[in-house]
N, C-alpha and C. Protein backbone atom coordinates (compact mmCIF):
# COMPACT_ATOMS: atom_id res chain seq x y z
N MET A 1 0.90 -1.11 -0.05
CA MET A 1 0.26 -0.03 -0.21
C MET A 1 0.81 1.19 0.15
N GLN A 2 0.57 2.43 -0.55
CA GLN A 2 1.26 3.73 -0.66
C GLN A 2 0.34 4.60 -0.95
N ILE A 3 0.67 5.80 -0.26
CA ILE A 3 -0.38 6.93 0.05
C ILE A 3 0.35 7.99 -0.87
N GLU A 4 -0.51 8.75 -2.00
CA GLU A 4 0.27 9.25 -2.81
C GLU A 4 -0.87 10.77 -3.02
N PRO A 5 -0.81 11.97 -3.73
CA PRO A 5 -1.73 12.65 -3.97
C PRO A 5 -2.66 12.57 -4.64
N TYR A 6 -3.86 12.88 -4.12
CA TYR A 6 -5.31 13.09 -4.84
C TYR A 6 -5.25 13.31 -6.29
N ASP A 7 -5.78 12.57 -7.09
CA ASP A 7 -5.79 13.02 -8.88
C ASP A 7 -7.41 13.08 -9.10
N PRO A 8 -8.00 13.81 -9.70
CA PRO A 8 -9.09 14.01 -10.23
C PRO A 8 -9.66 13.03 -10.69
N ARG A 9 -8.90 12.40 -11.62
CA ARG A 9 -9.77 11.31 -12.54
C ARG A 9 -9.43 10.07 -11.12
N GLN A 10 -9.43 10.19 -9.78
CA GLN A 10 -9.79 9.02 -8.89
C GLN A 10 -10.98 9.50 -8.15
N LEU A 11 -11.65 10.28 -8.46
CA LEU A 11 -12.78 11.08 -7.55
C LEU A 11 -13.98 9.80 -7.79
N ASP A 12 -14.13 9.14 -8.81
CA ASP A 12 -15.30 8.47 -8.86
C ASP A 12 -14.91 7.04 -7.92
N ALA A 13 -13.79 6.80 -7.87
CA ALA A 13 -13.24 5.75 -6.93
C ALA A 13 -13.61 6.06 -5.52
N VAL A 14 -12.94 7.22 -5.44
CA VAL A 14 -13.00 7.52 -3.85
C VAL A 14 -14.51 7.79 -3.42
N ILE A 15 -15.50 8.35 -4.27
CA ILE A 15 -16.65 8.42 -4.04
C ILE A 15 -17.27 6.86 -3.76
N ARG A 16 -16.80 6.02 -4.55
CA ARG A 16 -17.41 4.43 -4.51
C ARG A 16 -17.02 4.14 -2.80
N LEU A 17 -15.68 4.43 -2.66
CA LEU A 17 -15.18 3.54 -1.72
C LEU A 17 -15.68 4.20 -0.54
N SER A 18 -15.87 5.33 -0.54
CA SER A 18 -16.58 6.29 0.55
C SER A 18 -17.75 5.84 1.02
N LEU A 19 -18.65 5.47 0.06
CA LEU A 19 -20.13 5.27 0.31
C LEU A 19 -20.39 3.88 0.64
N ARG A 20 -19.50 3.03 0.32
CA ARG A 20 -19.74 1.94 0.80
C ARG A 20 -19.06 1.88 2.40
N ALA A 21 -17.90 2.53 2.56
CA ALA A 21 -17.50 2.83 4.01
C ALA A 21 -18.28 3.34 4.82
N TRP A 22 -19.29 4.21 4.45
CA TRP A 22 -20.00 4.92 5.48
C TRP A 22 -21.42 4.48 5.50
N ALA A 23 -21.66 3.50 4.88
CA ALA A 23 -22.92 2.65 4.66
C ALA A 23 -23.23 2.26 6.26
N PRO A 24 -22.21 1.49 6.65
CA PRO A 24 -22.70 0.92 8.26
C PRO A 24 -22.75 2.31 9.09
N VAL A 25 -22.20 3.32 8.98
CA VAL A 25 -22.08 4.40 10.28
C VAL A 25 -23.82 4.98 10.32
N PHE A 26 -24.33 5.23 8.74
CA PHE A 26 -25.66 5.89 8.30
C PHE A 26 -26.57 4.66 9.08
N ASP A 27 -26.54 3.37 8.83
CA ASP A 27 -26.98 2.57 9.27
C ASP A 27 -27.09 2.58 10.85
N SER A 28 -26.18 2.70 11.39
CA SER A 28 -26.19 2.97 12.88
C SER A 28 -26.66 4.31 13.56
N LEU A 29 -26.34 5.27 12.56
CA LEU A 29 -26.87 6.58 12.98
C LEU A 29 -28.41 6.42 12.86
N GLN A 30 -29.24 5.74 11.98
CA GLN A 30 -30.53 5.74 11.92
C GLN A 30 -31.31 4.92 13.15
N LYS A 31 -30.39 4.00 13.40
CA LYS A 31 -30.80 3.40 14.75
C LYS A 31 -31.05 3.96 16.18
N VAL A 32 -29.94 4.95 16.28
CA VAL A 32 -29.66 6.02 17.60
C VAL A 32 -30.57 7.36 17.54
N MET A 33 -30.55 7.79 15.97
CA MET A 33 -31.29 9.13 16.24
C MET A 33 -32.82 8.89 16.03
N ASP A 34 -33.86 9.94 16.52
CA ASP A 34 -34.74 9.86 16.33
C ASP A 34 -35.22 9.66 14.92
N LEU A 35 -35.89 8.85 14.54
CA LEU A 35 -36.34 8.63 12.89
C LEU A 35 -36.35 9.71 12.42
N ASP A 36 -37.32 10.85 12.67
CA ASP A 36 -37.72 12.19 11.98
C ASP A 36 -36.57 12.76 11.63
N VAL A 37 -36.05 13.02 12.83
CA VAL A 37 -34.60 13.60 12.74
C VAL A 37 -33.79 13.23 11.89
N TYR A 38 -33.14 11.99 11.63
CA TYR A 38 -32.64 11.58 10.99
C TYR A 38 -33.19 11.78 9.41
N HIS A 39 -34.30 11.72 9.20
CA HIS A 39 -34.74 11.86 8.12
C HIS A 39 -34.72 13.47 7.38
N GLU A 40 -34.89 14.53 8.30
CA GLU A 40 -34.30 15.48 8.16
C GLU A 40 -33.35 15.74 7.69
N PHE A 41 -31.98 14.95 8.63
CA PHE A 41 -30.79 15.57 8.10
C PHE A 41 -30.44 14.71 6.78
N TYR A 42 -30.56 13.21 7.04
CA TYR A 42 -30.33 12.30 5.90
C TYR A 42 -31.50 12.07 5.02
N PRO A 43 -32.01 12.75 4.37
CA PRO A 43 -32.99 12.33 3.31
C PRO A 43 -32.46 11.46 2.21
N ASP A 44 -31.34 11.59 1.81
CA ASP A 44 -30.60 10.53 0.76
C ASP A 44 -29.22 10.87 1.02
N TRP A 45 -28.41 10.02 2.32
CA TRP A 45 -27.33 10.15 2.65
C TRP A 45 -26.27 9.99 1.46
N ARG A 46 -26.70 9.01 0.74
CA ARG A 46 -25.60 8.88 -0.20
C ARG A 46 -25.55 9.82 -1.29
N VAL A 47 -26.45 10.80 -1.84
CA VAL A 47 -26.36 11.77 -2.79
C VAL A 47 -25.79 13.09 -1.62
N ASP A 48 -26.05 13.09 -0.57
CA ASP A 48 -25.23 13.97 0.09
C ASP A 48 -23.91 14.06 0.27
N GLN A 49 -23.64 12.33 0.86
CA GLN A 49 -22.16 12.32 1.15
C GLN A 49 -21.48 12.74 -0.29
N GLN A 50 -21.89 12.20 -1.41
CA GLN A 50 -21.22 11.94 -2.85
C GLN A 50 -21.04 13.48 -2.88
N LYS A 51 -21.94 14.36 -2.94
CA LYS A 51 -21.65 16.06 -2.95
C LYS A 51 -20.37 16.44 -2.07
N ALA A 52 -20.69 15.91 -0.72
CA ALA A 52 -19.54 16.21 0.42
C ALA A 52 -18.07 15.70 -0.09
N VAL A 53 -18.15 14.68 -0.88
CA VAL A 53 -16.89 14.22 -1.14
C VAL A 53 -16.39 15.14 -2.49
N GLU A 54 -16.98 15.17 -3.43
CA GLU A 54 -16.73 16.18 -4.72
C GLU A 54 -16.52 17.38 -4.07
N LYS A 55 -16.90 17.94 -3.04
CA LYS A 55 -16.85 19.29 -2.95
C LYS A 55 -15.20 19.26 -1.88
N VAL A 56 -15.27 18.42 -1.46
CA VAL A 56 -13.88 18.51 -0.21
C VAL A 56 -12.87 17.81 -1.52
N CYS A 57 -12.87 16.82 -2.24
CA CYS A 57 -12.08 16.91 -3.09
C CYS A 57 -11.56 18.18 -4.17
N ALA A 58 -12.31 18.95 -4.31
CA ALA A 58 -12.22 20.27 -5.67
C ALA A 58 -11.94 21.25 -4.17
N ALA A 59 -11.83 21.17 -3.10
CA ALA A 59 -11.62 22.61 -2.30
C ALA A 59 -10.15 23.16 -2.39
N ALA A 60 -9.66 24.27 -2.26
CA ALA A 60 -8.48 24.70 -2.79
C ALA A 60 -8.11 24.49 -1.11
N ASP A 61 -8.71 24.58 -0.27
CA ASP A 61 -8.20 24.97 1.14
C ASP A 61 -7.81 23.28 1.98
N THR A 62 -8.42 22.01 1.07
CA THR A 62 -8.16 21.18 1.39
C THR A 62 -7.12 20.34 0.64
N LYS A 63 -6.12 19.64 1.46
CA LYS A 63 -5.22 18.63 0.86
C LYS A 63 -5.72 17.39 1.05
N VAL A 64 -5.54 16.57 0.06
CA VAL A 64 -6.53 15.19 -0.25
C VAL A 64 -5.05 14.11 -0.87
N TRP A 65 -5.14 12.82 0.14
CA TRP A 65 -4.17 11.97 -0.47
C TRP A 65 -4.99 10.70 -0.51
N VAL A 66 -4.74 9.74 -1.48
CA VAL A 66 -5.29 8.50 -1.52
C VAL A 66 -4.32 7.49 -1.08
N ALA A 67 -4.88 6.17 -0.83
CA ALA A 67 -4.16 5.06 -0.32
C ALA A 67 -4.35 4.41 -1.58
N ILE A 68 -3.37 3.51 -2.31
CA ILE A 68 -3.33 2.87 -3.32
C ILE A 68 -3.05 1.24 -2.91
N ASP A 69 -3.37 0.21 -3.50
CA ASP A 69 -2.93 -1.14 -2.82
C ASP A 69 -3.50 -1.88 -4.18
N SER A 70 -2.39 -2.16 -5.16
CA SER A 70 -2.45 -3.27 -5.95
C SER A 70 -2.89 -2.57 -7.22
N GLY A 71 -2.75 -1.45 -7.40
CA GLY A 71 -3.44 -0.43 -8.20
C GLY A 71 -4.42 0.35 -8.12
N SER A 72 -5.45 -0.35 -7.19
CA SER A 72 -6.45 0.42 -6.92
C SER A 72 -6.36 1.49 -5.66
N THR A 73 -7.37 2.42 -5.57
CA THR A 73 -7.64 3.45 -4.83
C THR A 73 -8.70 2.85 -3.95
N VAL A 74 -8.10 2.60 -2.62
CA VAL A 74 -8.82 1.78 -1.62
C VAL A 74 -8.95 2.49 -0.14
N GLY A 75 -8.45 3.82 -0.06
CA GLY A 75 -8.54 4.82 1.00
C GLY A 75 -8.24 6.44 0.68
N PHE A 76 -8.77 7.14 1.36
CA PHE A 76 -8.44 8.54 1.23
C PHE A 76 -8.56 9.55 2.35
N VAL A 77 -7.91 10.41 2.71
CA VAL A 77 -7.65 11.31 4.03
C VAL A 77 -7.88 12.82 3.33
N ALA A 78 -8.58 13.62 4.10
CA ALA A 78 -8.74 14.94 3.43
C ALA A 78 -8.47 15.85 4.55
N VAL A 79 -7.28 16.79 4.82
CA VAL A 79 -6.68 17.34 5.51
C VAL A 79 -7.43 19.06 5.47
N LYS A 80 -7.35 19.80 6.75
CA LYS A 80 -7.61 21.33 6.42
C LYS A 80 -6.69 21.62 7.37
N LEU A 81 -5.68 22.85 7.16
CA LEU A 81 -5.05 23.97 8.26
C LEU A 81 -5.67 24.87 8.77
N HIS A 82 -6.01 25.14 9.89
CA HIS A 82 -6.30 26.34 10.45
C HIS A 82 -4.85 27.32 10.80
N SER A 83 -4.33 27.70 10.14
CA SER A 83 -3.05 28.22 10.27
C SER A 83 -3.22 29.36 11.50
N GLU A 84 -4.09 30.30 11.54
CA GLU A 84 -4.06 30.85 12.68
C GLU A 84 -4.46 30.61 14.34
N SER A 85 -4.70 29.21 14.28
CA SER A 85 -4.63 28.51 15.42
C SER A 85 -3.75 27.54 15.51
N LYS A 86 -3.12 27.50 14.28
CA LYS A 86 -1.97 26.04 14.37
C LYS A 86 -2.43 24.70 14.70
N LEU A 87 -4.01 24.82 13.97
CA LEU A 87 -4.52 23.40 14.17
C LEU A 87 -4.75 22.83 12.81
N GLY A 88 -4.60 21.45 12.61
CA GLY A 88 -4.77 20.63 11.87
C GLY A 88 -5.63 19.78 11.79
N GLU A 89 -6.50 19.64 10.79
CA GLU A 89 -8.41 18.74 10.89
C GLU A 89 -7.95 18.00 10.19
N ILE A 90 -8.22 16.72 10.61
CA ILE A 90 -8.69 15.62 9.55
C ILE A 90 -9.82 15.39 9.17
N TYR A 91 -10.08 16.34 7.96
CA TYR A 91 -11.34 17.00 8.12
C TYR A 91 -12.23 15.43 7.30
N MET A 92 -12.01 14.53 6.69
CA MET A 92 -12.71 13.22 5.93
C MET A 92 -11.34 12.35 5.71
N ILE A 93 -12.13 10.98 6.42
CA ILE A 93 -11.33 9.70 5.91
C ILE A 93 -11.80 8.99 5.82
N ALA A 94 -11.71 7.96 4.83
CA ALA A 94 -12.75 6.67 4.35
C ALA A 94 -11.41 5.52 3.81
N VAL A 95 -12.27 3.90 4.09
CA VAL A 95 -11.19 3.38 3.85
C VAL A 95 -12.32 2.21 3.09
N ASP A 96 -12.18 1.71 2.08
CA ASP A 96 -13.26 1.05 1.21
C ASP A 96 -13.21 -0.52 2.14
N PRO A 97 -14.46 -1.14 2.67
CA PRO A 97 -14.71 -1.94 3.52
C PRO A 97 -13.66 -3.14 3.11
N ASP A 98 -13.54 -3.74 1.75
CA ASP A 98 -12.96 -4.73 1.58
C ASP A 98 -11.36 -4.99 2.34
N TYR A 99 -10.78 -3.44 2.32
CA TYR A 99 -9.37 -3.30 3.00
C TYR A 99 -9.48 -2.80 4.29
N GLN A 100 -10.70 -2.83 4.98
CA GLN A 100 -10.53 -2.36 6.54
C GLN A 100 -9.75 -3.37 7.32
N ARG A 101 -9.14 -3.07 8.25
CA ARG A 101 -8.91 -3.70 9.70
C ARG A 101 -7.36 -4.48 9.12
N ARG A 102 -6.84 -3.66 8.27
CA ARG A 102 -5.38 -3.88 7.21
C ARG A 102 -4.48 -2.65 7.77
N GLY A 103 -4.73 -1.81 8.47
CA GLY A 103 -4.17 -0.85 8.76
C GLY A 103 -3.88 0.47 7.77
N ILE A 104 -4.82 0.66 7.13
CA ILE A 104 -4.65 1.33 6.02
C ILE A 104 -5.36 2.86 6.67
N GLY A 105 -6.28 2.76 7.36
CA GLY A 105 -6.74 4.03 7.78
C GLY A 105 -6.04 4.55 9.03
N THR A 106 -5.10 3.79 9.55
CA THR A 106 -4.02 4.23 10.66
C THR A 106 -3.25 4.99 9.88
N ALA A 107 -2.50 4.08 8.59
CA ALA A 107 -1.43 4.87 8.05
C ALA A 107 -1.72 6.41 7.34
N LEU A 108 -2.97 6.37 6.61
CA LEU A 108 -3.35 7.41 6.40
C LEU A 108 -3.72 8.48 7.26
N ALA A 109 -4.14 8.65 8.31
CA ALA A 109 -4.23 9.55 9.63
C ALA A 109 -2.83 9.88 10.01
N GLU A 110 -1.96 8.43 9.97
CA GLU A 110 -0.44 9.04 10.41
C GLU A 110 0.23 9.94 9.54
N PHE A 111 -0.06 9.84 8.22
CA PHE A 111 0.62 10.44 7.14
C PHE A 111 -0.12 11.74 7.22
N ALA A 112 -1.56 12.14 7.64
CA ALA A 112 -1.95 13.57 7.40
C ALA A 112 -1.36 14.31 9.14
N LEU A 113 -0.89 13.49 9.76
CA LEU A 113 -0.67 14.05 11.25
C LEU A 113 0.70 14.86 11.02
N ASP A 114 1.89 13.50 10.26
CA ASP A 114 3.10 13.97 9.91
C ASP A 114 3.31 15.17 9.08
N TRP A 115 2.25 15.39 8.12
CA TRP A 115 2.24 16.43 7.10
C TRP A 115 1.76 17.62 7.68
N MET A 116 0.58 17.84 8.64
CA MET A 116 0.25 18.70 9.40
C MET A 116 1.75 19.30 10.56
N LYS A 117 1.95 18.20 11.06
CA LYS A 117 3.43 19.07 11.51
C LYS A 117 4.39 19.73 10.96
N VAL A 118 4.71 19.01 9.81
CA VAL A 118 5.46 19.50 8.64
C VAL A 118 5.17 21.05 8.31
N ALA A 119 3.72 21.18 8.20
CA ALA A 119 3.24 22.43 7.87
C ALA A 119 3.15 23.64 9.01
N GLY A 120 3.49 23.13 9.90
CA GLY A 120 3.61 24.02 11.48
C GLY A 120 2.65 24.13 12.27
N MET A 121 1.32 23.00 12.21
CA MET A 121 0.67 22.76 12.99
C MET A 121 1.00 22.33 14.64
N SER A 122 0.32 22.99 15.32
CA SER A 122 0.86 22.00 17.07
C SER A 122 -0.28 21.36 17.57
N VAL A 123 -1.54 21.47 16.88
CA VAL A 123 -2.50 20.67 17.29
C VAL A 123 -3.18 19.93 16.15
N ALA A 124 -3.57 18.62 16.42
CA ALA A 124 -4.34 17.95 15.29
C ALA A 124 -5.98 17.87 15.84
N MET A 125 -6.76 17.52 15.00
CA MET A 125 -8.21 17.42 15.31
C MET A 125 -8.84 16.49 14.48
N VAL A 126 -9.86 15.78 14.72
CA VAL A 126 -10.80 14.88 13.97
C VAL A 126 -11.92 14.44 14.89
N GLU A 127 -13.03 14.53 13.69
CA GLU A 127 -14.65 14.39 14.62
C GLU A 127 -14.94 13.04 14.24
N THR A 128 -15.50 12.52 15.11
CA THR A 128 -16.44 11.47 14.33
C THR A 128 -17.34 11.33 15.32
N GLY A 129 -18.55 10.48 15.11
CA GLY A 129 -19.65 9.91 16.15
C GLY A 129 -19.51 9.11 17.15
N GLY A 130 -20.16 9.41 18.29
CA GLY A 130 -20.33 8.26 19.45
C GLY A 130 -20.96 6.86 19.25
N ASP A 131 -21.74 6.81 18.18
CA ASP A 131 -22.51 5.84 18.16
C ASP A 131 -21.52 4.86 17.55
N PRO A 132 -22.31 3.19 17.82
CA PRO A 132 -21.71 2.16 17.40
C PRO A 132 -21.00 2.20 16.18
N GLY A 133 -21.61 2.89 14.98
CA GLY A 133 -21.21 3.06 13.90
C GLY A 133 -19.55 3.36 13.22
N HIS A 134 -19.36 4.48 14.30
CA HIS A 134 -18.00 5.12 14.54
C HIS A 134 -17.28 4.27 15.53
N ALA A 135 -17.35 3.27 16.12
CA ALA A 135 -16.35 2.97 17.02
C ALA A 135 -15.14 2.45 16.33
N PRO A 136 -15.17 2.02 15.05
CA PRO A 136 -13.92 1.70 14.51
C PRO A 136 -12.99 2.80 14.39
N ALA A 137 -13.56 4.14 14.08
CA ALA A 137 -12.62 5.39 13.72
C ALA A 137 -12.18 5.77 14.91
N ARG A 138 -13.52 5.46 15.94
CA ARG A 138 -12.91 6.23 17.71
C ARG A 138 -11.37 5.35 17.83
N TYR A 139 -11.41 4.12 17.64
CA TYR A 139 -10.73 3.32 18.10
C TYR A 139 -9.23 3.62 17.31
N THR A 140 -9.16 3.89 16.15
CA THR A 140 -8.21 4.04 15.23
C THR A 140 -7.83 5.58 16.02
N TYR A 141 -8.23 6.21 15.97
CA TYR A 141 -7.91 7.89 16.62
C TYR A 141 -7.37 7.96 18.09
N GLU A 142 -8.19 7.10 19.04
CA GLU A 142 -7.41 6.91 20.30
C GLU A 142 -6.16 5.86 20.20
N LYS A 143 -6.23 4.96 19.11
CA LYS A 143 -4.80 4.32 19.30
C LYS A 143 -3.63 5.23 18.69
N LEU A 144 -4.19 6.13 17.86
CA LEU A 144 -2.78 7.22 17.52
C LEU A 144 -2.49 8.51 18.52
N GLY A 145 -3.31 8.33 19.79
CA GLY A 145 -3.11 9.00 20.77
C GLY A 145 -4.15 10.52 20.91
N PHE A 146 -5.37 10.46 20.05
CA PHE A 146 -6.22 11.51 20.27
C PHE A 146 -7.06 11.13 21.27
N ARG A 147 -7.38 12.35 21.99
CA ARG A 147 -8.40 12.61 23.22
C ARG A 147 -9.60 12.87 22.91
N MET A 148 -10.75 12.23 23.32
CA MET A 148 -12.20 12.84 23.22
C MET A 148 -12.32 13.86 23.98
N LEU A 149 -12.98 14.83 23.46
CA LEU A 149 -13.80 16.16 24.19
C LEU A 149 -15.20 15.77 24.31
N PRO A 150 -15.62 15.36 25.38
CA PRO A 150 -17.22 15.06 25.32
C PRO A 150 -18.04 16.26 25.14
N VAL A 151 -18.91 15.74 24.19
CA VAL A 151 -20.05 16.84 23.83
C VAL A 151 -21.33 16.26 23.87
N ALA A 152 -22.28 16.93 24.61
CA ALA A 152 -23.76 16.66 24.38
C ALA A 152 -24.18 17.63 23.22
N ARG A 153 -24.86 17.00 22.34
CA ARG A 153 -25.91 17.45 21.34
C ARG A 153 -26.83 16.73 21.18
N TYR A 154 -28.07 17.78 21.11
CA TYR A 154 -29.56 17.38 21.18
C TYR A 154 -30.15 17.73 20.36
N PHE A 155 -31.07 16.84 19.48
CA PHE A 155 -31.84 17.29 18.31
C PHE A 155 -33.40 16.85 19.01
N LYS A 156 -34.16 17.87 18.34
CA LYS A 156 -35.49 17.38 18.45
C LYS A 156 -36.51 17.80 17.30
N LYS A 157 -37.26 16.92 16.70
CA LYS A 157 -37.82 17.14 15.26
C LYS A 157 -38.87 18.53 15.77
N LEU A 158 -38.98 19.26 14.89
CA LEU A 158 -40.03 20.41 15.26
C LEU A 158 -40.97 20.12 14.47
């Protein structure tokens, strides 16, 4: 596996692997959220997530890398720098389900952290969910030394 800069020709592969990777997350969210609230936020999560990936991959303020294994795009990470606060943010990360549990997500996150440090950032941040579907992501981040800031966020359908 190697990590290389994202090329726009990889967009379709990045979208496909992201949607496959995030399907269990959205299944989990649907189970833990009020169903009416879930449907307000995610009327069609696949369409919304595809647009989000497209936007991130095209954003001038975001650096994106892909993980390549045997010639296939199997993961990606997107990083934003907030230079004024010296904060580097892992903004989006995904690994194709067929390649999960092989250390690719960890390698992408470590790559991003190293790049942030070289770029002059002094703190790194990543945000994820507290639901069961996000448990693998939380495990990876905690393994890398991230510590969670507990936040209580409540929703109610109006």
